[in-house]
Amino acid sequence: MFINYTQKKIYLAVPKTGTTSIQTYLIENLNNEENISHTQVPYKGNILPRRNMPKGREGDNKLSDLDPHLTLQNGIDSGLFTKDELEDFSIYAIIRDPVDRFLSFAYHQMQMYYVNAKKVPEGSDVSFAQMGKTNNDIAEEYLGIIKGEIVSEVQKWMSSDYVIQLHNVIGRPQSDWLIFNDKPIDKLFSLDNCEGLINDFLGEEHKLTYRYRSEYRNHEDKTQLDDSLLQEIKQMYYKDFELYNEFNRKP
């Protein structure tokens, strides 16, 4: 989460919506801007500590594990701002196609699973496409894991409880971040317009050149997901589908 207390702007880092690219760019282009603060942020393999938090707004260390992806309610609970103060803030975030976001998260998790379960060598650059895995295969395997249907295989890597816990934190619906007080936040941008968010948030023109990918995903794979898989994803993220459809209807 990035906060400009002077201009009253907040950027929410919704998982799997280009946050690493955006946060990396913001960190490298703050130019010691004292008005902008941030909570813990992942940066090129490290975790940067909180920056420029005004006295009395340092946050609650009990939320440190969630820091890179705080929701507005997390921010209130940890003392970064009050609910009343938020009335005067513009809230920024990216919204992503819910199916595409689910696939991105599934590929990211299954990449770690395949390495740690010794299905591919550590440090391997073997892609799922080279293994003959389609989007449908990855979605089906991942749903099987989080539903507890592949428990014995997952336990070769780590406990199924951990996989499910991580899904419940990082794989939560976007609406957990994007809806507050029963209404959408006011500054939503599409995934292909990360640059527009940065320009609006910083108040000046910037060119986003850094793009981060952490998944061995075949982005050319246009495999249609089976109807049953698609329905499961829609049930998990029904609010996200409503929000995304409403976002795309706006002129």
C-alpha atoms as a PDB file:
ATOM      1  CA  MET A   1       0.000   0.000   0.000  1.00  0.00           C
ATOM      2  CA  PHE A   2       1.293   3.450  -1.005  1.00  0.00           C
ATOM      3  CA  ILE A   3      -0.179   6.515   0.717  1.00  0.00           C
ATOM      4  CA  ASN A   4       0.155  10.192  -0.147  1.00  0.00           C
ATOM      5  CA  TYR A   5      -1.144  11.849   3.020  1.00  0.00           C
ATOM      6  CA  THR A   6      -0.754  15.351   1.553  1.00  0.00           C
ATOM      7  CA  GLN A   7      -2.646  14.774  -1.695  1.00  0.00           C
ATOM      8  CA  LYS A   8      -4.871  12.155  -0.031  1.00  0.00           C
ATOM      9  CA  LYS A   9      -4.237   9.259  -2.387  1.00  0.00           C
ATOM     10  CA  ILE A  10      -3.907   5.544  -1.613  1.00  0.00           C
ATOM     11  CA  TYR A  11      -2.740   2.778  -3.962  1.00  0.00           C
ATOM     12  CA  LEU A  12      -3.967  -0.701  -3.007  1.00  0.00           C
ATOM     13  CA  ALA A  13      -1.758  -3.611  -4.056  1.00  0.00           C
ATOM     14  CA  VAL A  14      -4.367  -6.215  -5.008  1.00  0.00           C
ATOM     15  CA  PRO A  15      -2.536  -9.559  -5.479  1.00  0.00           C
ATOM     16  CA  LYS A  16      -1.961 -10.673  -9.082  1.00  0.00           C
ATOM     17  CA  THR A  17      -2.898  -7.341 -10.657  1.00  0.00           C
ATOM     18  CA  GLY A  18       0.534  -6.124 -11.743  1.00  0.00           C
ATOM     19  CA  THR A  19       1.468  -4.998  -8.240  1.00  0.00           C
ATOM     20  CA  THR A  20       5.148  -5.973  -8.463  1.00  0.00           C
ATOM     21  CA  SER A  21       5.615  -3.951 -11.654  1.00  0.00           C
ATOM     22  CA  ILE A  22       3.723  -0.944 -10.272  1.00  0.00           C
ATOM     23  CA  GLN A  23       5.355  -0.973  -6.848  1.00  0.00           C
ATOM     24  CA  THR A  24       8.831  -1.414  -8.335  1.00  0.00           C
ATOM     25  CA  TYR A  25       8.247   1.577 -10.585  1.00  0.00           C
ATOM     26  CA  LEU A  26       6.870   3.706  -7.756  1.00  0.00           C
ATOM     27  CA  ILE A  27       9.803   2.853  -5.492  1.00  0.00           C
ATOM     28  CA  GLU A  28      12.332   3.735  -8.194  1.00  0.00           C
ATOM     29  CA  ASN A  29      10.609   6.999  -9.112  1.00  0.00           C
ATOM     30  CA  LEU A  30       9.675   8.510  -5.772  1.00  0.00           C
ATOM     31  CA  ASN A  31      12.768  10.742  -5.881  1.00  0.00           C
ATOM     32  CA  ASN A  32      12.757  11.025  -2.074  1.00  0.00           C
ATOM     33  CA  GLU A  33       9.213  12.373  -2.202  1.00  0.00           C
ATOM     34  CA  GLU A  34       8.476  12.873   1.475  1.00  0.00           C
ATOM     35  CA  ASN A  35       4.730  13.076   0.954  1.00  0.00           C
ATOM     36  CA  ILE A  36       4.469   9.429  -0.139  1.00  0.00           C
ATOM     37  CA  SER A  37       4.610   6.608   2.394  1.00  0.00           C
ATOM     38  CA  HIS A  38       4.391   2.874   1.894  1.00  0.00           C
ATOM     39  CA  THR A  39       3.897  -0.232   4.002  1.00  0.00           C
ATOM     40  CA  GLN A  40       6.180  -3.250   3.558  1.00  0.00           C
ATOM     41  CA  VAL A  41       6.766  -3.811  -0.156  1.00  0.00           C
ATOM     42  CA  PRO A  42       8.423  -6.679  -2.069  1.00  0.00           C
ATOM     43  CA  TYR A  43      11.241  -5.303  -4.220  1.00  0.00           C
ATOM     44  CA  LYS A  44      13.488  -7.435  -6.452  1.00  0.00           C
ATOM     45  CA  GLY A  45      13.578 -10.423  -4.132  1.00  0.00           C
ATOM     46  CA  ASN A  46      13.645  -8.441  -0.883  1.00  0.00           C
ATOM     47  CA  ILE A  47      11.064  -6.894   1.428  1.00  0.00           C
ATOM     48  CA  LEU A  48      11.447  -3.170   1.918  1.00  0.00           C
ATOM     49  CA  PRO A  49      10.407  -1.867   5.350  1.00  0.00           C
ATOM     50  CA  ARG A  50       7.765   0.806   5.845  1.00  0.00           C
ATOM     51  CA  ARG A  51       8.784   4.229   4.557  1.00  0.00           C
ATOM     52  CA  ASN A  52       7.886   7.757   5.666  1.00  0.00           C
ATOM     53  CA  MET A  53       5.055   6.704   7.948  1.00  0.00           C
ATOM     54  CA  PRO A  54       4.053   9.805   9.968  1.00  0.00           C
ATOM     55  CA  LYS A  55       4.342   9.573  13.729  1.00  0.00           C
ATOM     56  CA  GLY A  56       1.353   7.763  15.139  1.00  0.00           C
ATOM     57  CA  ARG A  57       0.648   5.984  11.835  1.00  0.00           C
ATOM     58  CA  GLU A  58       3.420   3.412  11.881  1.00  0.00           C
ATOM     59  CA  GLY A  59       0.969   0.538  11.718  1.00  0.00           C
ATOM     60  CA  ASP A  60       0.564  -2.648  13.682  1.00  0.00           C
ATOM     61  CA  ASN A  61       3.329  -5.231  13.349  1.00  0.00           C
ATOM     62  CA  LYS A  62       0.786  -7.994  13.853  1.00  0.00           C
ATOM     63  CA  LEU A  63      -0.268  -7.310  10.252  1.00  0.00           C
ATOM     64  CA  SER A  64       3.276  -7.564   8.887  1.00  0.00           C
ATOM     65  CA  ASP A  65       2.571 -10.769   6.976  1.00  0.00           C
ATOM     66  CA  LEU A  66      -0.222  -8.994   5.099  1.00  0.00           C
ATOM     67  CA  ASP A  67       1.588  -5.687   4.694  1.00  0.00           C
ATOM     68  CA  PRO A  68       2.252  -5.787   0.946  1.00  0.00           C
ATOM     69  CA  HIS A  69      -1.438  -6.437   0.293  1.00  0.00           C
ATOM     70  CA  LEU A  70      -3.322  -4.515   2.972  1.00  0.00           C
ATOM     71  CA  THR A  71      -6.998  -3.827   2.409  1.00  0.00           C
ATOM     72  CA  LEU A  72      -8.511  -0.519   3.483  1.00  0.00           C
ATOM     73  CA  GLN A  73      -9.981  -2.239   6.537  1.00  0.00           C
ATOM     74  CA  ASN A  74      -6.502  -3.592   7.407  1.00  0.00           C
ATOM     75  CA  GLY A  75      -5.210  -0.028   7.154  1.00  0.00           C
ATOM     76  CA  ILE A  76      -7.899   1.226   9.521  1.00  0.00           C
ATOM     77  CA  ASP A  77      -7.278  -1.616  11.966  1.00  0.00           C
ATOM     78  CA  SER A  78      -3.522  -0.943  11.983  1.00  0.00           C
ATOM     79  CA  GLY A  79      -3.894   2.825  12.474  1.00  0.00           C
ATOM     80  CA  LEU A  80      -2.711   4.047   9.073  1.00  0.00           C
ATOM     81  CA  PHE A  81      -5.890   6.128   8.667  1.00  0.00           C
ATOM     82  CA  THR A  82      -9.400   6.287  10.071  1.00  0.00           C
ATOM     83  CA  LYS A  83     -12.648   5.408   8.358  1.00  0.00           C
ATOM     84  CA  ASP A  84     -13.698   9.060   8.466  1.00  0.00           C
ATOM     85  CA  GLU A  85     -10.408  10.199   6.921  1.00  0.00           C
ATOM     86  CA  LEU A  86     -10.928   7.839   3.980  1.00  0.00           C
ATOM     87  CA  GLU A  87     -13.901   9.939   2.892  1.00  0.00           C
ATOM     88  CA  ASP A  88     -11.399  12.525   1.606  1.00  0.00           C
ATOM     89  CA  PHE A  89      -9.003  10.065  -0.072  1.00  0.00           C
ATOM     90  CA  SER A  90      -8.904   8.873  -3.678  1.00  0.00           C
ATOM     91  CA  ILE A  91      -8.337   5.111  -3.706  1.00  0.00           C
ATOM     92  CA  TYR A  92      -6.384   3.592  -6.618  1.00  0.00           C
ATOM     93  CA  ALA A  93      -6.163  -0.032  -7.736  1.00  0.00           C
ATOM     94  CA  ILE A  94      -6.036  -2.301 -10.771  1.00  0.00           C
ATOM     95  CA  ILE A  95      -8.950  -4.574 -11.629  1.00  0.00           C
ATOM     96  CA  ARG A  96      -8.226  -7.724 -13.622  1.00  0.00           C
ATOM     97  CA  ASP A  97     -10.343 -10.201 -15.551  1.00  0.00           C
ATOM     98  CA  PRO A  98     -11.258 -12.721 -12.800  1.00  0.00           C
ATOM     99  CA  VAL A  99     -10.519 -15.822 -14.902  1.00  0.00           C
ATOM    100  CA  ASP A 100      -7.173 -14.452 -16.067  1.00  0.00           C
ATOM    101  CA  ARG A 101      -6.278 -13.511 -12.481  1.00  0.00           C
ATOM    102  CA  PHE A 102      -7.191 -16.982 -11.220  1.00  0.00           C
ATOM    103  CA  LEU A 103      -5.033 -18.591 -13.907  1.00  0.00           C
ATOM    104  CA  SER A 104      -2.149 -16.288 -13.049  1.00  0.00           C
ATOM    105  CA  PHE A 105      -2.336 -17.282  -9.390  1.00  0.00           C
ATOM    106  CA  ALA A 106      -2.779 -20.970 -10.240  1.00  0.00           C
ATOM    107  CA  TYR A 107       0.285 -20.940 -12.517  1.00  0.00           C
ATOM    108  CA  HIS A 108       2.336 -19.117  -9.884  1.00  0.00           C
ATOM    109  CA  GLN A 109       1.431 -21.661  -7.203  1.00  0.00           C
ATOM    110  CA  MET A 110       1.765 -24.707  -9.437  1.00  0.00           C
ATOM    111  CA  GLN A 111       5.178 -23.519 -10.589  1.00  0.00           C
ATOM    112  CA  MET A 112       6.373 -23.666  -6.961  1.00  0.00           C
ATOM    113  CA  TYR A 113       4.597 -26.987  -6.474  1.00  0.00           C
ATOM    114  CA  TYR A 114       6.217 -28.649  -9.480  1.00  0.00           C
ATOM    115  CA  VAL A 115       9.689 -27.549  -8.401  1.00  0.00           C
ATOM    116  CA  ASN A 116       9.261 -28.492  -4.733  1.00  0.00           C
ATOM    117  CA  ALA A 117       7.516 -31.769  -5.503  1.00  0.00           C
ATOM    118  CA  LYS A 118      10.557 -32.611  -7.670  1.00  0.00           C
ATOM    119  CA  LYS A 119       8.424 -32.818 -10.792  1.00  0.00           C
ATOM    120  CA  VAL A 120      10.926 -30.512 -12.504  1.00  0.00           C
ATOM    121  CA  PRO A 121      14.544 -29.741 -11.482  1.00  0.00           C
ATOM    122  CA  GLU A 122      15.156 -26.729  -9.241  1.00  0.00           C
ATOM    123  CA  GLY A 123      16.081 -23.722 -11.355  1.00  0.00           C
ATOM    124  CA  SER A 124      14.509 -25.374 -14.374  1.00  0.00           C
ATOM    125  CA  ASP A 125      13.228 -23.152 -17.139  1.00  0.00           C
ATOM    126  CA  VAL A 126      10.921 -25.886 -18.375  1.00  0.00           C
ATOM    127  CA  SER A 127       7.582 -24.237 -19.055  1.00  0.00           C
ATOM    128  CA  PHE A 128       4.162 -25.764 -18.593  1.00  0.00           C
ATOM    129  CA  ALA A 129       3.679 -25.421 -22.350  1.00  0.00           C
ATOM    130  CA  GLN A 130       6.752 -27.605 -22.925  1.00  0.00           C
ATOM    131  CA  MET A 131       5.259 -30.121 -20.505  1.00  0.00           C
ATOM    132  CA  GLY A 132       2.078 -30.161 -22.558  1.00  0.00           C
ATOM    133  CA  LYS A 133       0.043 -28.475 -19.812  1.00  0.00           C
ATOM    134  CA  THR A 134      -2.859 -26.277 -20.913  1.00  0.00           C
ATOM    135  CA  ASN A 135      -4.670 -23.566 -18.981  1.00  0.00           C
ATOM    136  CA  ASN A 136      -7.404 -26.107 -18.318  1.00  0.00           C
ATOM    137  CA  ASP A 137      -4.914 -28.632 -16.876  1.00  0.00           C
ATOM    138  CA  ILE A 138      -3.403 -26.068 -14.493  1.00  0.00           C
ATOM    139  CA  ALA A 139      -6.796 -24.748 -13.360  1.00  0.00           C
ATOM    140  CA  GLU A 140      -8.043 -28.283 -12.716  1.00  0.00           C
ATOM    141  CA  GLU A 141      -4.944 -29.307 -10.744  1.00  0.00           C
ATOM    142  CA  TYR A 142      -4.949 -26.157  -8.639  1.00  0.00           C
ATOM    143  CA  LEU A 143      -8.655 -26.382  -7.820  1.00  0.00           C
ATOM    144  CA  GLY A 144      -8.040 -29.991  -6.803  1.00  0.00           C
ATOM    145  CA  ILE A 145      -5.351 -28.864  -4.365  1.00  0.00           C
ATOM    146  CA  ILE A 146      -7.316 -26.095  -2.667  1.00  0.00           C
ATOM    147  CA  LYS A 147     -10.372 -28.359  -2.389  1.00  0.00           C
ATOM    148  CA  GLY A 148      -8.208 -30.994  -0.668  1.00  0.00           C
ATOM    149  CA  GLU A 149      -8.577 -33.604  -3.403  1.00  0.00           C
ATOM    150  CA  ILE A 150      -4.814 -33.995  -4.009  1.00  0.00           C
ATOM    151  CA  VAL A 151      -3.728 -33.879  -0.377  1.00  0.00           C
ATOM    152  CA  SER A 152      -1.240 -36.779  -0.442  1.00  0.00           C
ATOM    153  CA  GLU A 153       0.631 -35.341  -3.416  1.00  0.00           C
ATOM    154  CA  VAL A 154       0.662 -31.826  -2.022  1.00  0.00           C
ATOM    155  CA  GLN A 155       2.105 -33.020   1.285  1.00  0.00           C
ATOM    156  CA  LYS A 156       5.285 -34.029  -0.539  1.00  0.00           C
ATOM    157  CA  TRP A 157       5.737 -30.283  -1.007  1.00  0.00           C
ATOM    158  CA  MET A 158       4.136 -28.705   2.060  1.00  0.00           C
ATOM    159  CA  SER A 159       0.956 -29.143   4.021  1.00  0.00           C
ATOM    160  CA  SER A 160      -2.319 -28.702   2.184  1.00  0.00           C
ATOM    161  CA  ASP A 161      -3.361 -26.382   5.026  1.00  0.00           C
ATOM    162  CA  TYR A 162      -0.581 -23.986   4.026  1.00  0.00           C
ATOM    163  CA  VAL A 163      -1.626 -24.039   0.363  1.00  0.00           C
ATOM    164  CA  ILE A 164      -5.218 -23.301   1.328  1.00  0.00           C
ATOM    165  CA  GLN A 165      -4.145 -20.594   3.795  1.00  0.00           C
ATOM    166  CA  LEU A 166      -2.046 -18.883   1.128  1.00  0.00           C
ATOM    167  CA  HIS A 167      -4.947 -19.086  -1.305  1.00  0.00           C
ATOM    168  CA  ASN A 168      -7.233 -17.536   1.297  1.00  0.00           C
ATOM    169  CA  VAL A 169      -4.840 -14.585   1.724  1.00  0.00           C
ATOM    170  CA  ILE A 170      -3.411 -13.939  -1.745  1.00  0.00           C
ATOM    171  CA  GLY A 171      -6.070 -15.682  -3.811  1.00  0.00           C
ATOM    172  CA  ARG A 172      -8.938 -13.845  -2.177  1.00  0.00           C
ATOM    173  CA  PRO A 173     -11.481 -12.065  -4.380  1.00  0.00           C
ATOM    174  CA  GLN A 174     -10.421  -8.664  -5.706  1.00  0.00           C
ATOM    175  CA  SER A 175     -13.634  -7.304  -4.236  1.00  0.00           C
ATOM    176  CA  ASP A 176     -12.082  -7.665  -0.756  1.00  0.00           C
ATOM    177  CA  TRP A 177      -9.877  -4.722  -1.757  1.00  0.00           C
ATOM    178  CA  LEU A 178     -11.983  -2.977  -4.374  1.00  0.00           C
ATOM    179  CA  ILE A 179     -15.280  -2.680  -2.478  1.00  0.00           C
ATOM    180  CA  PHE A 180     -15.402  -0.625   0.701  1.00  0.00           C
ATOM    181  CA  ASN A 181     -18.495   0.549   2.547  1.00  0.00           C
ATOM    182  CA  ASP A 182     -20.549  -1.467   0.051  1.00  0.00           C
ATOM    183  CA  LYS A 183     -19.362   0.517  -2.970  1.00  0.00           C
ATOM    184  CA  PRO A 184     -16.434   0.267  -5.407  1.00  0.00           C
ATOM    185  CA  ILE A 185     -13.373   2.429  -4.844  1.00  0.00           C
ATOM    186  CA  ASP A 186     -13.227   5.510  -7.062  1.00  0.00           C
ATOM    187  CA  LYS A 187      -9.979   5.088  -9.066  1.00  0.00           C
ATOM    188  CA  LEU A 188     -10.079   1.741 -10.865  1.00  0.00           C
ATOM    189  CA  PHE A 189      -7.771   1.015 -13.826  1.00  0.00           C
ATOM    190  CA  SER A 190      -7.557  -2.030 -16.094  1.00  0.00           C
ATOM    191  CA  LEU A 191      -4.503  -4.308 -16.053  1.00  0.00           C
ATOM    192  CA  ASP A 192      -3.416  -3.017 -19.460  1.00  0.00           C
ATOM    193  CA  ASN A 193      -3.483   0.549 -18.117  1.00  0.00           C
ATOM    194  CA  CYS A 194      -1.013   0.294 -15.207  1.00  0.00           C
ATOM    195  CA  GLU A 195       0.743   3.310 -16.674  1.00  0.00           C
ATOM    196  CA  GLY A 196      -2.454   5.342 -16.415  1.00  0.00           C
ATOM    197  CA  LEU A 197      -2.719   4.523 -12.726  1.00  0.00           C
ATOM    198  CA  ILE A 198       0.905   5.550 -12.106  1.00  0.00           C
ATOM    199  CA  ASN A 199       0.475   8.820 -13.991  1.00  0.00           C
ATOM    200  CA  ASP A 200      -2.695   9.712 -12.098  1.00  0.00           C
ATOM    201  CA  PHE A 201      -1.271   8.666  -8.731  1.00  0.00           C
ATOM    202  CA  LEU A 202       1.992  10.602  -9.176  1.00  0.00           C
ATOM    203  CA  GLY A 203       0.303  13.507 -10.967  1.00  0.00           C
ATOM    204  CA  GLU A 204       2.722  13.546 -13.902  1.00  0.00           C
ATOM    205  CA  GLU A 205       3.513  11.626 -17.086  1.00  0.00           C
ATOM    206  CA  HIS A 206       5.553   8.447 -16.688  1.00  0.00           C
ATOM    207  CA  LYS A 207       6.462   5.541 -18.974  1.00  0.00           C
ATOM    208  CA  LEU A 208       6.173   2.140 -17.310  1.00  0.00           C
ATOM    209  CA  THR A 209       9.067   0.076 -18.620  1.00  0.00           C
ATOM    210  CA  TYR A 210       9.388  -2.599 -15.934  1.00  0.00           C
ATOM    211  CA  ARG A 211       7.222  -5.682 -16.334  1.00  0.00           C
ATOM    212  CA  TYR A 212       7.516  -8.561 -13.901  1.00  0.00           C
ATOM    213  CA  ARG A 213       6.419 -12.122 -14.598  1.00  0.00           C
ATOM    214  CA  SER A 214       6.839 -14.921 -12.081  1.00  0.00           C
ATOM    215  CA  GLU A 215       5.013 -17.750 -13.813  1.00  0.00           C
ATOM    216  CA  TYR A 216       5.964 -20.230 -16.537  1.00  0.00           C
ATOM    217  CA  ARG A 217       2.717 -19.531 -18.287  1.00  0.00           C
ATOM    218  CA  ASN A 218       1.992 -19.944 -21.958  1.00  0.00           C
ATOM    219  CA  HIS A 219       0.190 -16.684 -22.608  1.00  0.00           C
ATOM    220  CA  GLU A 220      -0.558 -17.808 -26.162  1.00  0.00           C
ATOM    221  CA  ASP A 221      -2.650 -20.697 -24.871  1.00  0.00           C
ATOM    222  CA  LYS A 222      -6.244 -19.812 -25.679  1.00  0.00           C
ATOM    223  CA  THR A 223      -7.629 -23.089 -24.334  1.00  0.00           C
ATOM    224  CA  GLN A 224     -11.234 -22.672 -23.242  1.00  0.00           C
ATOM    225  CA  LEU A 225     -11.743 -23.839 -19.705  1.00  0.00           C
ATOM    226  CA  ASP A 226     -14.225 -26.635 -19.240  1.00  0.00           C
ATOM    227  CA  ASP A 227     -17.657 -25.338 -18.301  1.00  0.00           C
ATOM    228  CA  SER A 228     -17.505 -27.068 -14.916  1.00  0.00           C
ATOM    229  CA  LEU A 229     -14.172 -25.388 -14.071  1.00  0.00           C
ATOM    230  CA  LEU A 230     -15.417 -22.031 -15.251  1.00  0.00           C
ATOM    231  CA  GLN A 231     -18.515 -22.346 -13.088  1.00  0.00           C
ATOM    232  CA  GLU A 232     -16.379 -23.156 -10.028  1.00  0.00           C
ATOM    233  CA  ILE A 233     -14.248 -20.072 -10.632  1.00  0.00           C
ATOM    234  CA  LYS A 234     -17.352 -17.928 -11.104  1.00  0.00           C
ATOM    235  CA  GLN A 235     -18.787 -19.210  -7.818  1.00  0.00           C
ATOM    236  CA  MET A 236     -15.523 -18.450  -5.982  1.00  0.00           C
ATOM    237  CA  TYR A 237     -15.277 -14.948  -7.438  1.00  0.00           C
ATOM    238  CA  TYR A 238     -18.877 -13.994  -8.175  1.00  0.00           C
ATOM    239  CA  LYS A 239     -18.450 -10.470  -6.763  1.00  0.00           C
ATOM    240  CA  ASP A 240     -15.352  -9.980  -8.915  1.00  0.00           C
ATOM    241  CA  PHE A 241     -17.297 -10.904 -12.049  1.00  0.00           C
ATOM    242  CA  GLU A 242     -20.039  -8.433 -11.156  1.00  0.00           C
ATOM    243  CA  LEU A 243     -17.496  -5.691 -10.459  1.00  0.00           C
ATOM    244  CA  TYR A 244     -15.445  -6.411 -13.594  1.00  0.00           C
ATOM    245  CA  ASN A 245     -18.528  -6.441 -15.817  1.00  0.00           C
ATOM    246  CA  GLU A 246     -19.710  -3.149 -14.301  1.00  0.00           C
ATOM    247  CA  PHE A 247     -16.240  -1.642 -14.807  1.00  0.00           C
ATOM    248  CA  ASN A 248     -16.271  -2.606 -18.499  1.00  0.00           C
ATOM    249  CA  ARG A 249     -19.717  -1.100 -18.992  1.00  0.00           C
ATOM    250  CA  LYS A 250     -18.495   2.345 -17.989  1.00  0.00           C
ATOM    251  CA  PRO A 251     -17.799   4.720 -20.916  1.00  0.00           C
END
